Amino acid sequence: TVTLASSTTEGASAFTGTVSVVTAPVSPVTVSISSSNPGKAAVTSSVTIAAGTTSTTFTVTPQDNPIKDGQQTVTLNFAASGYTPKAQSLIVNDNELDHYTFTTTMPSSIVRNATASVTVTAKDINGVTIPTFAGTVNLSAANGSGSVTMTPATATLASGTATFSAVFTQAGNGVTLTATDGQGITGSTNSFNVTNLG
């Protein structure tokens, strides 16, 4: 039996899993381990279950690369003489930022100077949230006539997401809220109107 976390993220800290047998062997059992994609998740090449015991641990080391390759599934294979081979899947999330998404759908109309709770999320190329992402985005609002004043000017993401209270201090139609970082990566909301009256 293999016990292992179901997912990890590129560049995350190494972690351990457990390989076990039902009955304690009378002599040591060497378990060979391989990864279908060591460029994503490297693994201890072999471990030994000591005589008289039923389990041992192995180490998985998530790898990092600069490629926007999205979420990948890696298969870890386990083999030992006299035992049925086992395979365990591990999802490796990408940590390369592709875009930001506002998970909040803005209402069609917002009253000027009222507060709107808004959430922005960091996404990989496949639209999966990057759980290890941390960073600050600049916030701005605009429509066809130009910028629309608002607060706050920035939002800080932790664990891939940030929720903030947006206040639009200028009325306008067809307004879009946009998040932009220093690398030119952006994300925008649906359009909405900012009205003077409710």
Protein backbone atom coordinates (compact mmCIF):
# COMPACT_ATOMS: atom_id res chain seq x y z
CA THR A 1 0.00 0.00 0.00
CA VAL A 2 1.20 3.50 -0.81
CA THR A 3 0.15 6.53 1.23
CA LEU A 4 0.91 9.85 -0.41
CA ALA A 5 -0.48 13.38 -0.68
CA SER A 6 -2.74 13.74 -3.71
CA SER A 7 -1.15 16.93 -5.00
CA THR A 8 1.77 19.33 -4.72
CA THR A 9 3.11 22.39 -6.53
CA GLU A 10 6.26 23.00 -8.56
CA GLY A 11 9.11 24.13 -6.34
CA ALA A 12 7.34 23.19 -3.11
CA SER A 13 9.25 21.62 -0.23
CA ALA A 14 10.10 17.94 -0.35
CA PHE A 15 7.66 15.70 1.49
CA THR A 16 7.38 12.06 2.46
CA GLY A 17 5.07 9.20 1.64
CA THR A 18 4.76 5.73 3.08
CA VAL A 19 4.99 2.31 1.41
CA SER A 20 3.74 -0.61 3.45
CA VAL A 21 3.02 -4.33 3.35
CA VAL A 22 0.33 -6.28 5.16
CA THR A 23 2.59 -8.81 6.85
CA ALA A 24 6.00 -8.00 8.30
CA PRO A 25 8.68 -9.78 6.20
CA VAL A 26 11.24 -12.09 7.80
CA SER A 27 14.01 -10.47 5.75
CA PRO A 28 14.44 -6.92 4.41
CA VAL A 29 12.40 -5.96 1.35
CA THR A 30 13.89 -3.51 -1.14
CA VAL A 31 11.31 -1.38 -2.92
CA SER A 32 12.34 0.28 -6.18
CA ILE A 33 10.60 3.56 -6.93
CA SER A 34 10.47 5.54 -10.16
CA SER A 35 8.73 8.68 -11.39
CA SER A 36 7.07 8.96 -14.79
CA ASN A 37 8.24 12.58 -14.91
CA PRO A 38 11.27 13.26 -12.69
CA GLY A 39 11.40 16.77 -14.13
CA LYS A 40 8.19 17.44 -12.23
CA ALA A 41 8.54 15.17 -9.20
CA ALA A 42 11.76 13.40 -8.29
CA VAL A 43 11.57 10.46 -5.90
CA THR A 44 13.86 8.31 -3.78
CA SER A 45 15.08 5.55 -6.11
CA SER A 46 14.70 2.78 -3.54
CA VAL A 47 13.85 2.21 0.09
CA THR A 48 13.96 -0.82 2.38
CA ILE A 49 11.25 -2.22 4.60
CA ALA A 50 13.22 -3.72 7.46
CA ALA A 51 12.62 -7.29 8.60
CA GLY A 52 9.91 -7.48 11.23
CA THR A 53 8.36 -4.15 10.19
CA THR A 54 5.57 -3.33 7.76
CA SER A 55 6.42 0.09 6.35
CA THR A 56 9.00 2.72 5.50
CA THR A 57 8.99 6.22 4.09
CA PHE A 58 10.22 7.69 0.83
CA THR A 59 10.81 11.28 -0.26
CA VAL A 60 9.20 13.18 -3.13
CA THR A 61 10.90 16.39 -4.27
CA PRO A 62 8.78 18.67 -6.47
CA GLN A 63 10.86 20.23 -9.24
CA ASP A 64 10.59 23.73 -10.64
CA ASN A 65 10.80 24.90 -14.24
CA PRO A 66 10.12 28.20 -16.04
CA ILE A 67 7.58 26.67 -18.43
CA LYS A 68 3.88 27.48 -18.40
CA ASP A 69 2.90 23.83 -18.69
CA GLY A 70 -0.12 23.77 -16.40
CA GLN A 71 -1.19 21.06 -13.99
CA GLN A 72 0.48 17.71 -14.65
CA THR A 73 -0.16 14.20 -13.33
CA VAL A 74 2.93 12.20 -12.37
CA THR A 75 2.82 8.45 -11.75
CA LEU A 76 5.07 6.96 -9.10
CA ASN A 77 5.77 3.27 -9.63
CA PHE A 78 6.71 0.85 -6.84
CA ALA A 79 8.17 -2.61 -7.33
CA ALA A 80 9.58 -5.26 -4.98
CA SER A 81 10.43 -8.91 -5.51
CA GLY A 82 7.53 -11.12 -4.49
CA TYR A 83 5.01 -8.28 -4.33
CA THR A 84 2.47 -6.92 -6.79
CA PRO A 85 3.69 -3.65 -8.36
CA LYS A 86 1.87 -0.50 -7.32
CA ALA A 87 1.32 2.83 -9.06
CA GLN A 88 0.32 6.05 -7.35
CA SER A 89 -0.76 9.27 -9.07
CA LEU A 90 0.44 12.68 -7.90
CA ILE A 91 -0.91 15.96 -9.28
CA VAL A 92 1.76 18.64 -9.66
CA ASN A 93 0.35 22.14 -9.95
CA ASP A 94 2.16 24.69 -12.10
CA ASN A 95 3.59 27.76 -10.35
CA GLU A 96 4.05 29.90 -13.46
CA LEU A 97 1.53 32.72 -13.44
CA ASP A 98 -0.43 33.15 -16.68
CA HIS A 99 -3.26 35.51 -15.76
CA TYR A 100 -5.45 36.87 -13.00
CA THR A 101 -9.14 36.10 -12.68
CA PHE A 102 -11.76 37.99 -10.72
CA THR A 103 -13.87 35.25 -9.18
CA THR A 104 -16.42 37.85 -8.18
CA THR A 105 -19.01 38.64 -10.85
CA MET A 106 -19.62 42.36 -10.55
CA PRO A 107 -23.27 43.37 -10.34
CA SER A 108 -24.66 45.27 -13.31
CA SER A 109 -24.89 48.42 -11.21
CA ILE A 110 -22.89 49.70 -8.22
CA VAL A 111 -23.67 52.89 -6.31
CA ARG A 112 -20.84 55.41 -6.24
CA ASN A 113 -18.95 55.36 -2.89
CA ALA A 114 -20.58 52.07 -1.90
CA THR A 115 -18.38 49.10 -0.96
CA ALA A 116 -18.11 46.02 -3.17
CA SER A 117 -16.32 42.87 -1.98
CA VAL A 118 -14.06 41.63 -4.78
CA THR A 119 -11.78 38.58 -5.05
CA VAL A 120 -8.86 38.27 -7.47
CA THR A 121 -7.06 34.98 -8.04
CA ALA A 122 -3.74 34.00 -9.64
CA LYS A 123 -4.16 31.36 -12.36
CA ASP A 124 -1.88 29.10 -14.39
CA ILE A 125 -2.22 28.59 -18.13
CA ASN A 126 -5.06 26.09 -17.62
CA GLY A 127 -7.00 28.35 -15.28
CA VAL A 128 -6.03 26.47 -12.12
CA THR A 129 -5.40 28.57 -9.01
CA ILE A 130 -1.72 28.68 -8.01
CA PRO A 131 -1.86 27.90 -4.27
CA THR A 132 1.70 29.06 -3.56
CA PHE A 133 1.44 32.40 -5.35
CA ALA A 134 2.08 35.57 -3.37
CA GLY A 135 2.35 39.05 -4.82
CA THR A 136 0.81 42.48 -5.23
CA VAL A 137 -1.31 43.70 -8.13
CA ASN A 138 -2.18 47.25 -9.13
CA LEU A 139 -5.90 47.94 -9.38
CA SER A 140 -7.54 50.35 -11.79
CA ALA A 141 -10.99 51.02 -13.21
CA ALA A 142 -11.83 52.48 -16.58
CA ASN A 143 -14.43 52.76 -19.31
CA GLY A 144 -14.51 54.13 -22.84
CA SER A 145 -14.18 57.68 -21.53
CA GLY A 146 -11.03 57.03 -19.50
CA SER A 147 -10.11 56.10 -15.95
CA VAL A 148 -12.68 55.85 -13.16
CA THR A 149 -11.41 56.73 -9.70
CA MET A 150 -11.48 53.97 -7.11
CA THR A 151 -9.82 52.55 -4.02
CA PRO A 152 -7.76 50.61 -3.11
CA ALA A 153 -4.88 51.09 -5.55
CA THR A 154 -3.38 47.66 -4.86
CA ALA A 155 -4.26 44.21 -3.54
CA THR A 156 -1.88 41.66 -2.03
CA LEU A 157 -2.42 38.01 -2.87
CA ALA A 158 -1.52 35.20 -0.48
CA SER A 159 -2.01 31.52 -1.29
CA GLY A 160 -3.07 32.60 -4.76
CA THR A 161 -5.95 34.89 -3.83
CA ALA A 162 -6.93 38.25 -2.36
CA THR A 163 -10.27 39.66 -1.30
CA PHE A 164 -10.62 43.41 -0.93
CA SER A 165 -13.29 46.10 -0.59
CA ALA A 166 -13.55 48.20 -3.74
CA VAL A 167 -15.04 51.68 -3.64
CA PHE A 168 -15.69 53.50 -6.90
CA THR A 169 -15.76 57.25 -6.28
CA GLN A 170 -16.72 58.30 -9.79
CA ALA A 171 -19.85 57.45 -11.74
CA GLY A 172 -19.64 55.90 -15.19
CA ASN A 173 -21.12 53.29 -17.52
CA GLY A 174 -19.37 50.23 -18.88
CA VAL A 175 -16.70 50.25 -16.19
CA THR A 176 -14.15 47.42 -15.97
CA LEU A 177 -11.90 46.69 -12.99
CA THR A 178 -8.41 45.46 -13.92
CA ALA A 179 -5.53 43.91 -11.97
CA THR A 180 -2.02 44.30 -13.38
CA ASP A 181 1.38 43.29 -12.02
CA GLY A 182 4.91 44.46 -12.79
CA GLN A 183 5.31 41.75 -15.43
CA GLY A 184 2.38 42.98 -17.48
CA ILE A 185 0.14 40.07 -16.50
CA THR A 186 -3.46 41.18 -16.15
CA GLY A 187 -7.03 40.17 -15.48
CA SER A 188 -10.32 42.08 -15.69
CA THR A 189 -13.87 41.89 -14.43
CA ASN A 190 -17.06 41.97 -16.43
CA SER A 191 -18.29 45.48 -17.18
CA PHE A 192 -20.68 47.29 -14.85
CA ASN A 193 -22.15 50.72 -14.23
CA VAL A 194 -21.29 53.01 -11.34
CA THR A 195 -24.33 55.16 -10.58
CA ASN A 196 -24.85 58.25 -8.47
CA LEU A 197 -28.03 56.82 -6.91
CA GLY A 198 -29.13 53.37 -5.80
